[in-house]
N, C-alpha and C. Protein backbone atom coordinates (compact mmCIF):
# COMPACT_ATOMS: atom_id res chain seq x y z
N MET A 1 9.60 -21.61 31.39
CA MET A 1 9.02 -20.33 31.59
C MET A 1 8.56 -20.31 30.70
N HIS A 2 6.86 -19.82 31.43
CA HIS A 2 6.00 -19.16 30.01
C HIS A 2 5.94 -18.01 30.12
N CYS A 3 5.90 -17.17 28.98
CA CYS A 3 6.05 -15.31 28.76
C CYS A 3 4.65 -15.04 28.13
N ASP A 4 3.98 -14.14 29.07
CA ASP A 4 2.81 -13.86 28.35
C ASP A 4 3.05 -12.43 27.53
N THR A 5 2.80 -12.71 26.48
CA THR A 5 3.33 -11.19 25.66
C THR A 5 1.83 -10.87 24.89
N ASN A 6 0.90 -11.31 25.30
CA ASN A 6 -0.68 -10.93 24.55
C ASN A 6 -1.03 -9.96 25.40
N SER A 7 -0.40 -8.88 26.39
CA SER A 7 -0.54 -7.88 26.59
C SER A 7 0.32 -6.72 26.35
N LEU A 8 1.46 -6.65 25.64
CA LEU A 8 2.71 -6.14 24.97
C LEU A 8 2.29 -6.01 23.64
N PRO A 9 2.79 -4.68 23.42
CA PRO A 9 2.73 -4.48 21.67
C PRO A 9 3.74 -4.99 21.25
N PHE A 10 3.31 -5.53 19.47
CA PHE A 10 4.25 -6.12 18.58
C PHE A 10 5.70 -5.73 18.87
N SER A 11 5.92 -4.38 18.64
CA SER A 11 7.12 -3.89 19.23
C SER A 11 8.26 -4.52 20.05
N ASP A 12 7.33 -4.52 21.27
CA ASP A 12 7.72 -4.91 22.24
C ASP A 12 8.15 -6.35 22.48
N VAL A 13 7.67 -7.25 22.12
CA VAL A 13 7.85 -9.01 21.87
C VAL A 13 8.86 -9.32 20.73
N ILE A 14 8.93 -8.30 19.69
CA ILE A 14 10.27 -8.61 18.48
C ILE A 14 10.75 -7.17 18.65
N GLY A 15 11.69 -7.17 18.65
CA GLY A 15 12.71 -6.17 18.59
C GLY A 15 12.95 -5.55 17.05
N PRO A 16 12.75 -4.08 16.99
CA PRO A 16 13.75 -3.86 15.24
C PRO A 16 15.01 -4.39 14.70
N GLU A 17 15.64 -4.48 15.69
CA GLU A 17 16.64 -4.99 15.27
C GLU A 17 16.22 -6.58 14.61
N LEU A 18 15.61 -7.23 15.22
CA LEU A 18 15.36 -8.97 14.56
C LEU A 18 14.56 -8.91 13.18
N ILE A 19 13.82 -7.60 13.29
CA ILE A 19 12.85 -7.61 11.90
C ILE A 19 13.93 -6.85 10.80
N ASP A 20 14.94 -6.31 10.93
CA ASP A 20 15.77 -6.03 10.10
C ASP A 20 16.74 -7.13 9.98
N ALA A 21 17.11 -7.51 10.66
CA ALA A 21 17.44 -9.04 10.58
C ALA A 21 17.22 -10.33 9.44
N MET A 22 15.85 -10.12 9.54
CA MET A 22 15.12 -11.42 8.97
C MET A 22 15.00 -10.21 7.25
N LEU A 23 14.54 -8.98 7.04
CA LEU A 23 14.92 -8.67 6.42
C LEU A 23 15.84 -8.16 5.32
N ARG A 24 17.13 -8.49 6.02
CA ARG A 24 18.20 -8.39 5.26
C ARG A 24 18.76 -9.80 4.77
N LEU A 25 17.80 -11.11 5.08
CA LEU A 25 18.44 -12.78 4.71
C LEU A 25 17.94 -12.69 3.27
N ARG A 26 17.27 -11.72 2.77
CA ARG A 26 16.66 -11.72 1.28
C ARG A 26 17.33 -10.45 0.58
N PRO A 27 17.86 -10.04 -0.10
CA PRO A 27 18.21 -9.17 -0.93
C PRO A 27 17.67 -8.15 -1.97
N GLY A 28 15.90 -9.11 -2.14
CA GLY A 28 14.95 -8.35 -2.29
C GLY A 28 14.06 -8.15 -1.50
N GLY A 29 14.32 -8.17 -0.18
CA GLY A 29 13.28 -7.76 0.46
C GLY A 29 12.59 -9.13 0.77
N LEU A 30 10.74 -8.96 1.42
CA LEU A 30 10.13 -9.80 1.27
C LEU A 30 9.14 -9.35 1.01
N THR A 31 8.09 -10.33 -0.09
CA THR A 31 6.76 -9.67 -0.73
C THR A 31 5.77 -10.20 -0.12
N TRP A 32 5.03 -9.95 -0.26
CA TRP A 32 3.45 -10.33 0.18
C TRP A 32 2.32 -9.51 -0.90
N ARG A 33 1.62 -10.57 -1.61
CA ARG A 33 0.69 -10.08 -2.60
C ARG A 33 -0.80 -10.68 -1.95
N ARG A 34 -2.01 -10.11 -2.28
CA ARG A 34 -3.15 -10.35 -1.94
C ARG A 34 -4.08 -9.88 -3.24
N THR A 35 -4.97 -10.74 -3.53
CA THR A 35 -6.13 -10.48 -4.57
C THR A 35 -7.39 -10.42 -3.26
N PHE A 36 -8.06 -8.79 -4.02
CA PHE A 36 -9.66 -8.48 -3.21
C PHE A 36 -10.94 -8.30 -4.84
N PRO A 37 -11.72 -9.04 -4.29
CA PRO A 37 -12.41 -8.33 -4.94
C PRO A 37 -12.82 -7.33 -5.21
N GLY A 38 -13.47 -6.63 -6.43
CA GLY A 38 -13.15 -5.25 -6.49
C GLY A 38 -14.51 -4.51 -6.10
N GLN A 39 -14.65 -4.44 -4.78
CA GLN A 39 -15.71 -3.91 -4.57
C GLN A 39 -15.25 -2.67 -3.45
N LEU A 40 -15.82 -1.61 -3.15
CA LEU A 40 -15.71 -0.75 -1.92
C LEU A 40 -15.33 -1.23 -0.89
N ASP A 41 -16.16 -2.28 0.08
CA ASP A 41 -16.35 -2.80 1.29
C ASP A 41 -15.00 -3.85 1.19
N GLN A 42 -13.85 -4.01 0.35
CA GLN A 42 -12.69 -4.73 0.39
C GLN A 42 -11.75 -3.91 0.85
N ILE A 43 -11.71 -2.61 0.69
CA ILE A 43 -10.32 -1.90 0.81
C ILE A 43 -10.24 -1.98 2.28
N PRO A 44 -11.25 -1.64 3.50
CA PRO A 44 -10.77 -2.09 4.90
C PRO A 44 -9.75 -3.30 4.75
N GLN A 45 -10.29 -4.34 3.98
CA GLN A 45 -9.82 -5.64 4.12
C GLN A 45 -8.29 -5.48 3.62
N ALA A 46 -7.67 -4.28 2.65
CA ALA A 46 -6.44 -4.02 2.03
C ALA A 46 -5.87 -3.55 3.24
N ARG A 47 -6.64 -2.29 3.73
CA ARG A 47 -5.74 -1.71 4.81
C ARG A 47 -5.29 -2.79 5.80
N HIS A 48 -6.21 -3.37 6.10
CA HIS A 48 -6.08 -4.79 7.37
C HIS A 48 -4.78 -5.62 7.35
N PHE A 49 -4.67 -5.92 6.12
CA PHE A 49 -3.90 -6.73 5.19
C PHE A 49 -2.18 -6.17 5.27
N VAL A 50 -2.23 -4.94 4.94
CA VAL A 50 -0.52 -3.70 5.19
C VAL A 50 -0.73 -3.66 6.45
N ARG A 51 -1.61 -3.32 7.10
CA ARG A 51 -1.41 -3.21 8.90
C ARG A 51 -1.21 -3.79 9.60
N PHE A 52 -1.16 -5.51 9.39
CA PHE A 52 -0.71 -6.56 9.95
C PHE A 52 0.47 -6.57 9.48
N LEU A 53 1.09 -6.60 8.29
CA LEU A 53 2.67 -6.45 7.98
C LEU A 53 3.17 -5.78 8.17
N MET A 54 2.69 -4.59 8.38
CA MET A 54 4.04 -3.40 9.15
C MET A 54 3.63 -2.94 10.63
N GLU A 55 3.10 -3.73 11.28
CA GLU A 55 2.41 -3.80 12.65
C GLU A 55 3.54 -3.21 13.66
N ASP A 56 4.87 -3.63 12.94
CA ASP A 56 6.10 -2.78 13.94
C ASP A 56 6.57 -1.81 13.36
N SER A 57 6.16 -1.38 12.37
CA SER A 57 6.60 -0.22 12.00
C SER A 57 5.97 1.25 12.58
N PRO A 58 6.92 2.17 12.44
CA PRO A 58 6.28 3.51 12.93
C PRO A 58 5.68 4.38 11.73
N HIS A 59 5.79 3.69 10.73
CA HIS A 59 5.34 4.04 9.28
C HIS A 59 4.25 3.22 8.85
N ARG A 60 3.31 2.32 9.69
CA ARG A 60 2.37 1.62 8.99
C ARG A 60 0.92 2.32 9.09
N HIS A 61 0.77 3.86 9.50
CA HIS A 61 0.07 4.45 9.37
C HIS A 61 -0.47 5.08 8.05
N ASP A 62 1.10 5.40 7.35
CA ASP A 62 1.33 6.15 6.42
C ASP A 62 0.72 4.78 5.01
N ILE A 63 1.59 3.66 5.17
CA ILE A 63 1.67 2.87 4.30
C ILE A 63 0.44 2.47 4.35
N GLU A 64 -0.77 2.10 5.32
CA GLU A 64 -1.83 1.66 5.34
C GLU A 64 -2.84 2.94 4.33
N GLN A 65 -2.74 4.34 4.76
CA GLN A 65 -3.39 5.25 3.87
C GLN A 65 -3.13 5.21 2.74
N ILE A 66 -2.10 4.86 2.17
CA ILE A 66 -1.80 4.66 0.48
C ILE A 66 -1.98 3.63 0.12
N THR A 67 -2.32 2.63 0.91
CA THR A 67 -2.93 1.54 0.34
C THR A 67 -4.95 1.45 0.14
N ALA A 68 -5.04 2.48 0.63
CA ALA A 68 -6.59 2.88 0.96
C ALA A 68 -6.58 3.50 -0.31
N GLU A 69 -5.80 4.51 -0.25
CA GLU A 69 -5.66 6.09 -1.80
C GLU A 69 -6.21 4.70 -3.22
N LEU A 70 -5.10 4.01 -3.43
CA LEU A 70 -4.55 2.90 -4.12
C LEU A 70 -5.81 2.31 -4.58
N SER A 71 -6.13 1.62 -3.18
CA SER A 71 -7.37 0.39 -3.79
C SER A 71 -8.76 1.51 -4.25
N ALA A 72 -8.74 2.30 -3.48
CA ALA A 72 -10.20 3.13 -3.62
C ALA A 72 -10.13 3.34 -5.35
N ASN A 73 -8.74 4.08 -5.61
CA ASN A 73 -8.74 4.45 -7.09
C ASN A 73 -9.15 3.21 -8.20
N ALA A 74 -8.51 2.14 -7.67
CA ALA A 74 -8.64 1.00 -8.64
C ALA A 74 -9.82 0.58 -8.96
N VAL A 75 -10.79 0.59 -7.87
CA VAL A 75 -12.38 0.23 -7.66
C VAL A 75 -13.06 1.25 -8.14
N VAL A 76 -13.04 2.32 -8.04
CA VAL A 76 -14.07 3.48 -8.55
C VAL A 76 -13.48 4.06 -9.72
N HIS A 77 -12.08 3.89 -10.13
CA HIS A 77 -12.00 4.51 -11.39
C HIS A 77 -11.44 3.46 -12.53
N THR A 78 -11.55 2.18 -12.28
CA THR A 78 -10.97 1.35 -13.36
C THR A 78 -12.46 0.03 -13.67
N SER A 79 -11.88 -0.60 -14.32
CA SER A 79 -12.96 -1.89 -14.45
C SER A 79 -12.58 -2.83 -13.28
N SER A 80 -11.56 -2.59 -12.51
CA SER A 80 -11.28 -3.75 -10.98
C SER A 80 -12.94 -3.27 -10.38
N GLY A 81 -13.43 -1.89 -10.53
CA GLY A 81 -14.72 -2.50 -9.56
C GLY A 81 -15.70 -2.91 -10.25
N GLN A 82 -15.94 -3.16 -11.76
CA GLN A 82 -17.00 -3.69 -12.41
C GLN A 82 -17.30 -5.15 -11.60
N CYS A 83 -18.26 -5.66 -12.23
CA CYS A 83 -18.51 -7.11 -11.94
C CYS A 83 -17.83 -8.34 -12.04
N PHE A 84 -17.53 -9.01 -11.05
CA PHE A 84 -16.06 -9.81 -11.23
C PHE A 84 -14.61 -9.68 -10.81
N GLY A 85 -14.84 -7.85 -10.87
CA GLY A 85 -13.30 -7.26 -11.20
C GLY A 85 -12.88 -7.96 -9.66
N ALA A 86 -11.60 -7.46 -9.60
CA ALA A 86 -11.07 -7.21 -8.79
C ALA A 86 -9.38 -6.54 -8.50
N PHE A 87 -8.75 -6.42 -7.70
CA PHE A 87 -7.56 -5.69 -7.31
C PHE A 87 -6.82 -6.53 -6.85
N PHE A 88 -5.33 -5.87 -6.73
CA PHE A 88 -4.17 -7.12 -5.60
C PHE A 88 -3.43 -5.78 -5.36
N VAL A 89 -3.19 -6.03 -4.10
CA VAL A 89 -2.11 -5.33 -3.63
C VAL A 89 -1.15 -5.91 -3.27
N GLU A 90 0.28 -5.36 -3.30
CA GLU A 90 1.43 -6.37 -3.44
C GLU A 90 2.30 -5.33 -2.45
N LEU A 91 3.09 -5.83 -1.12
CA LEU A 91 4.04 -5.18 -0.15
C LEU A 91 5.13 -5.53 -0.32
N ILE A 92 6.44 -4.59 -0.92
CA ILE A 92 7.64 -5.43 -0.78
C ILE A 92 8.27 -4.59 0.38
N ARG A 93 8.84 -5.36 1.49
CA ARG A 93 9.56 -4.63 2.38
C ARG A 93 10.56 -5.03 2.66
N LYS A 94 11.75 -3.93 2.24
CA LYS A 94 13.15 -3.82 2.37
C LYS A 94 13.72 -3.52 3.44
N PRO A 95 14.86 -3.33 4.20
CA PRO A 95 15.14 -2.68 5.33
C PRO A 95 15.25 -1.43 5.48
N THR A 96 15.33 -0.62 4.30
CA THR A 96 15.59 0.96 4.19
C THR A 96 13.99 1.42 3.35
N VAL A 97 13.55 0.44 2.74
CA VAL A 97 11.89 1.18 1.97
C VAL A 97 11.24 0.25 2.25
N VAL A 98 10.00 0.47 1.70
CA VAL A 98 8.47 -0.50 1.57
C VAL A 98 7.78 0.18 0.52
N ARG A 99 7.50 -0.72 -0.24
CA ARG A 99 7.15 -0.15 -1.72
C ARG A 99 5.89 -0.75 -1.85
N VAL A 100 4.74 -0.48 -1.73
CA VAL A 100 3.07 -0.74 -1.65
C VAL A 100 2.50 -0.59 -3.30
N THR A 101 2.03 -1.64 -4.16
CA THR A 101 1.65 -1.56 -5.24
C THR A 101 0.12 -2.01 -5.41
N VAL A 102 -0.35 -1.35 -6.06
CA VAL A 102 -2.25 -1.83 -6.28
C VAL A 102 -2.04 -2.05 -7.96
N TYR A 103 -2.47 -3.10 -8.10
CA TYR A 103 -2.85 -3.46 -9.28
C TYR A 103 -4.20 -3.03 -9.77
N ASP A 104 -4.84 -2.60 -11.04
CA ASP A 104 -6.13 -2.55 -11.36
C ASP A 104 -6.59 -3.50 -12.59
N SER A 105 -7.28 -3.59 -12.96
CA SER A 105 -8.03 -4.27 -14.17
C SER A 105 -7.69 -3.42 -15.29
N GLY A 106 -7.65 -2.11 -15.38
CA GLY A 106 -7.47 -1.18 -16.80
C GLY A 106 -9.00 -0.66 -17.22
N TRP A 107 -8.81 -0.30 -17.96
CA TRP A 107 -10.32 0.42 -19.11
C TRP A 107 -10.80 1.43 -17.84
N GLY A 108 -10.09 2.54 -17.53
CA GLY A 108 -10.72 3.26 -16.63
C GLY A 108 -9.70 4.29 -16.67
N ALA A 109 -9.76 5.38 -15.81
CA ALA A 109 -9.09 6.42 -15.89
C ALA A 109 -7.40 6.15 -15.68
N THR A 110 -6.64 7.07 -16.11
CA THR A 110 -5.35 6.71 -15.50
C THR A 110 -4.55 7.28 -15.13
N PRO A 111 -4.44 6.67 -13.92
CA PRO A 111 -3.81 7.44 -12.82
C PRO A 111 -2.55 8.43 -13.04
N ARG A 112 -2.72 9.41 -12.57
CA ARG A 112 -2.14 10.77 -12.76
C ARG A 112 -1.66 11.61 -11.50
N PHE A 113 -0.49 11.36 -11.01
CA PHE A 113 0.27 12.06 -9.71
C PHE A 113 0.74 13.63 -9.91
N ASP A 114 0.60 13.85 -11.24
CA ASP A 114 0.75 15.35 -11.65
C ASP A 114 -0.81 16.59 -11.94
N SER A 115 -1.35 15.83 -11.25
CA SER A 115 -2.61 16.81 -11.66
C SER A 115 -2.69 18.40 -10.95
N PRO A 116 -2.57 19.16 -11.85
CA PRO A 116 -2.56 20.47 -11.36
C PRO A 116 -3.54 20.74 -9.99
N ASN A 117 -2.76 21.42 -9.02
CA ASN A 117 -3.59 21.83 -8.16
C ASN A 117 -5.05 21.48 -8.05
N PRO A 118 -4.96 20.26 -7.05
CA PRO A 118 -6.27 19.44 -6.99
C PRO A 118 -7.60 20.26 -5.78
N ASP A 119 -8.38 20.20 -5.75
CA ASP A 119 -9.46 20.95 -5.18
C ASP A 119 -8.90 20.41 -3.61
N LEU A 120 -8.56 21.26 -2.66
CA LEU A 120 -8.44 20.39 -1.46
C LEU A 120 -10.24 20.64 -0.91
N LEU A 121 -11.44 21.47 -0.81
CA LEU A 121 -12.23 21.22 -0.80
C LEU A 121 -13.12 20.27 -1.00
N ALA A 122 -12.74 19.58 -2.45
CA ALA A 122 -13.93 18.62 -2.71
C ALA A 122 -13.98 17.47 -2.17
N GLU A 123 -14.81 16.67 -2.27
CA GLU A 123 -14.95 15.50 -1.45
C GLU A 123 -14.13 14.38 -2.34
N CYS A 124 -13.82 14.24 -3.49
CA CYS A 124 -13.00 13.65 -4.24
C CYS A 124 -12.02 14.03 -5.26
N GLY A 125 -10.82 13.54 -5.54
CA GLY A 125 -9.72 14.02 -6.22
C GLY A 125 -8.65 14.17 -5.38
N ARG A 126 -8.53 14.26 -4.86
CA ARG A 126 -7.39 14.41 -3.90
C ARG A 126 -6.51 13.20 -3.39
N GLY A 127 -7.23 11.79 -3.61
CA GLY A 127 -6.08 10.50 -3.21
C GLY A 127 -4.71 10.40 -3.42
N LEU A 128 -4.35 10.09 -5.01
CA LEU A 128 -2.97 10.81 -5.45
C LEU A 128 -2.33 11.46 -4.81
N ALA A 129 -2.73 13.07 -4.52
CA ALA A 129 -1.94 14.10 -4.06
C ALA A 129 -1.77 13.76 -2.45
N VAL A 130 -2.54 13.39 -1.74
CA VAL A 130 -2.23 12.24 -0.64
C VAL A 130 -0.93 11.48 -0.47
N VAL A 131 -1.01 10.79 -1.39
CA VAL A 131 -0.40 9.22 -1.95
C VAL A 131 1.07 10.00 -2.10
N ALA A 132 1.15 10.87 -2.76
CA ALA A 132 2.44 11.66 -3.33
C ALA A 132 2.58 12.44 -1.80
N ALA A 133 2.14 13.02 -1.52
CA ALA A 133 2.62 13.57 -0.07
C ALA A 133 3.07 12.95 1.18
N LEU A 134 2.74 11.89 1.39
CA LEU A 134 3.22 10.64 2.44
C LEU A 134 3.99 10.19 1.83
N ALA A 135 4.51 9.67 0.44
CA ALA A 135 5.20 8.70 0.06
C ALA A 135 6.73 9.72 -0.25
N THR A 136 7.67 8.84 0.03
CA THR A 136 8.83 9.44 -1.03
C THR A 136 9.29 9.36 -2.64
N ARG A 137 8.70 8.75 -2.82
CA ARG A 137 8.54 7.84 -4.45
C ARG A 137 7.63 7.47 -4.77
N VAL A 138 6.66 7.86 -5.86
CA VAL A 138 5.46 7.45 -6.24
C VAL A 138 5.82 7.16 -8.14
N GLY A 139 4.97 6.01 -8.73
CA GLY A 139 4.71 6.19 -9.73
C GLY A 139 3.48 5.62 -10.25
N ARG A 140 3.60 4.76 -12.17
CA ARG A 140 2.90 3.86 -12.22
C ARG A 140 3.20 2.99 -13.55
N ARG A 141 2.83 1.96 -14.11
CA ARG A 141 2.96 1.65 -15.32
C ARG A 141 1.89 0.77 -15.50
N GLY A 142 2.12 0.49 -17.09
CA GLY A 142 0.74 -0.11 -17.43
C GLY A 142 0.07 0.21 -18.70
N THR A 143 -1.06 -0.37 -19.11
CA THR A 143 -2.01 0.37 -20.12
C THR A 143 -3.26 0.15 -19.89
N GLN A 144 -4.33 0.64 -20.70
CA GLN A 144 -5.56 0.77 -20.13
C GLN A 144 -6.08 -0.68 -20.81
N ALA A 145 -5.74 -1.29 -21.97
CA ALA A 145 -5.81 -2.77 -22.04
C ALA A 145 -5.37 -3.98 -20.77
N LEU A 146 -4.32 -3.57 -20.50
CA LEU A 146 -3.71 -4.45 -19.46
C LEU A 146 -3.96 -4.37 -18.21
N GLY A 147 -4.46 -3.27 -17.76
CA GLY A 147 -4.42 -2.80 -16.52
C GLY A 147 -3.16 -1.66 -16.12
N HIS A 148 -3.36 -1.03 -14.74
CA HIS A 148 -2.00 -0.21 -14.61
C HIS A 148 -1.28 -0.92 -13.04
N ALA A 149 -0.34 -0.86 -12.57
CA ALA A 149 0.29 -1.02 -11.29
C ALA A 149 0.39 0.19 -10.96
N VAL A 150 0.24 0.67 -9.55
CA VAL A 150 0.60 1.98 -9.38
C VAL A 150 0.75 1.54 -7.92
N TRP A 151 2.48 2.60 -7.56
CA TRP A 151 2.98 2.22 -6.62
C TRP A 151 3.48 3.47 -5.81
N ALA A 152 3.56 3.37 -4.67
CA ALA A 152 4.54 4.30 -3.71
C ALA A 152 5.58 3.87 -3.09
N GLU A 153 6.66 4.30 -2.56
CA GLU A 153 7.64 3.98 -1.70
C GLU A 153 7.60 4.82 -0.28
N ILE A 154 8.40 4.24 0.73
CA ILE A 154 8.48 5.03 1.73
C ILE A 154 9.74 4.58 2.30
N CYS A 155 10.55 5.39 2.25
CA CYS A 155 12.14 5.31 2.71
C CYS A 155 11.73 5.18 4.41
N THR A 156 11.95 3.99 4.71
CA THR A 156 11.86 3.56 6.21
C THR A 156 13.10 4.18 7.40
N GLN A 157 14.56 4.40 6.77
CA GLN A 157 15.46 4.94 7.63
C GLN A 157 15.80 6.41 6.90
N PRO A 158 16.44 7.34 7.49
CA PRO A 158 16.48 8.32 7.75
C PRO A 158 18.36 8.36 6.43
N SER A 159 17.89 8.94 5.56
CA SER A 159 19.23 9.10 4.46
C SER A 159 20.16 9.65 4.75
C-alpha cells in the first residue's frame, strides 16, 4: 500500500517520539555544519539550512531567527564579509537542547551580549539582544586573530 505523505506536515509524517529516539542514539546529539560565502545574500541560505534541520520542532522559528542574527553579525562585523570571506553554521541537536554556533573569520568587532540598553528604535545594534532574548543560554569564544564562535542554546523540553 502506498501512502501519500506529500500533503501532510513533516511532524505528522514522522512523530516526535521517533525523532527523540534517533537523537538519543547519539549521546552527543546529532551535529550538522555548513560553510557559506561571506555575503549578505547567504543569510537566507543559512536560515533555510537550519529550518530544514528543525522542521519538526516547535522551536524552529527561534532557531532560524538566531541563525540569521548571528550570521548577519559575522558578515557585517568581521572579515567573514570581506572578499573571499566565509562563515560557518553548526547545529547540534540533542533531545533536550539545540545549540546553534556561527563561526566567523575574526578581525572585526568582538561579539558582546552584555551591551547596556540597546536602542530599541535603531535600525541596527539589536541582533545580539534578540538572540539573548530568544535563547536559554548564549556565549562566545575565540579571538580577533583566529575568529569567534558565537553560540546560542534553546532548551527544547521544559525543565
